[in-house]
Amino acid sequence: MEERIEVPFVRELCEDWTIHSYCPRCFATVADSSSAAKVKVAEDEHKCDPRLLEMVERFRKVSHLVSAA
């Protein structure tokens, strides 16, 4: 049985005081808001797009091959 480890979302406070949140698994923007509560709701509702996960995995494989060369 595969164990799933929860990875926290990455948040950045922008110059205009909005909070930018993105998913560290699929790298999708989850929220851009001045309200921390709205960002939290968006993070709780986020589901990674399987197509993005596939693209990220391909990139990781290619990057590994290039960096190992």
Protein backbone atom coordinates (compact mmCIF):
# COMPACT_ATOMS: atom_id res chain seq x y z
CA MET A 1 0.00 0.00 0.00
CA GLU A 2 1.42 3.35 -1.06
CA GLU A 3 1.84 5.90 1.72
CA ARG A 4 0.92 9.44 0.78
CA ILE A 5 2.89 12.27 2.35
CA GLU A 6 1.16 15.63 2.53
CA VAL A 7 3.35 18.42 1.23
CA PRO A 8 2.39 21.96 2.24
CA PHE A 9 1.55 24.47 -0.43
CA VAL A 10 4.14 27.10 -1.24
CA ARG A 11 3.03 30.63 -0.42
CA GLU A 12 4.62 33.89 -1.45
CA LEU A 13 3.65 37.36 -0.31
CA CYS A 14 3.72 39.65 -3.33
CA GLU A 15 4.60 43.35 -3.39
CA ASP A 16 0.91 44.26 -3.61
CA TRP A 17 0.25 42.21 -0.43
CA THR A 18 -1.56 39.43 -2.26
CA ILE A 19 -0.74 35.86 -1.33
CA HIS A 20 0.34 33.63 -4.20
CA SER A 21 -0.05 29.91 -3.46
CA TYR A 22 1.07 27.06 -5.69
CA CYS A 23 1.13 23.30 -5.46
CA PRO A 24 4.59 21.74 -5.08
CA ARG A 25 3.43 18.51 -6.75
CA CYS A 26 1.91 19.82 -10.00
CA PHE A 27 3.20 23.44 -9.81
CA ALA A 28 -0.24 24.86 -10.58
CA THR A 29 -1.22 28.22 -9.13
CA VAL A 30 -3.80 27.45 -6.48
CA ALA A 31 -4.72 30.97 -5.39
CA ASP A 32 -3.85 34.64 -5.68
CA SER A 33 -5.71 36.57 -3.01
CA SER A 34 -5.30 39.20 -0.32
CA SER A 35 -7.33 36.98 2.02
CA ALA A 36 -5.49 34.15 3.81
CA ALA A 37 -8.85 32.48 4.43
CA LYS A 38 -9.63 32.38 0.69
CA VAL A 39 -6.17 30.97 -0.03
CA LYS A 40 -6.71 28.25 2.58
CA VAL A 41 -10.09 27.30 1.07
CA ALA A 42 -8.53 27.09 -2.41
CA GLU A 43 -5.69 24.94 -1.06
CA ASP A 44 -8.15 22.61 0.70
CA GLU A 45 -10.13 22.20 -2.54
CA HIS A 46 -7.12 21.74 -4.83
CA LYS A 47 -6.82 18.51 -6.79
CA CYS A 48 -3.76 18.04 -8.99
CA ASP A 49 -4.51 17.77 -12.70
CA PRO A 50 -3.24 14.35 -13.86
CA ARG A 51 -1.97 15.92 -17.09
CA LEU A 52 0.18 18.39 -15.15
CA LEU A 53 1.52 15.61 -12.94
CA GLU A 54 2.46 13.64 -16.05
CA MET A 55 4.28 16.65 -17.54
CA VAL A 56 6.13 17.28 -14.27
CA GLU A 57 7.18 13.63 -14.07
CA ARG A 58 8.47 13.69 -17.67
CA PHE A 59 10.44 16.86 -16.93
CA ARG A 60 11.97 15.29 -13.81
CA LYS A 61 13.05 12.22 -15.78
CA VAL A 62 14.61 14.34 -18.54
CA SER A 63 16.28 16.66 -16.02
CA HIS A 64 17.75 13.68 -14.20
CA LEU A 65 19.11 12.25 -17.43
CA VAL A 66 20.62 15.62 -18.45
CA SER A 67 22.12 16.33 -15.02
CA ALA A 68 23.60 12.83 -14.79
CA ALA A 69 25.40 13.23 -18.12
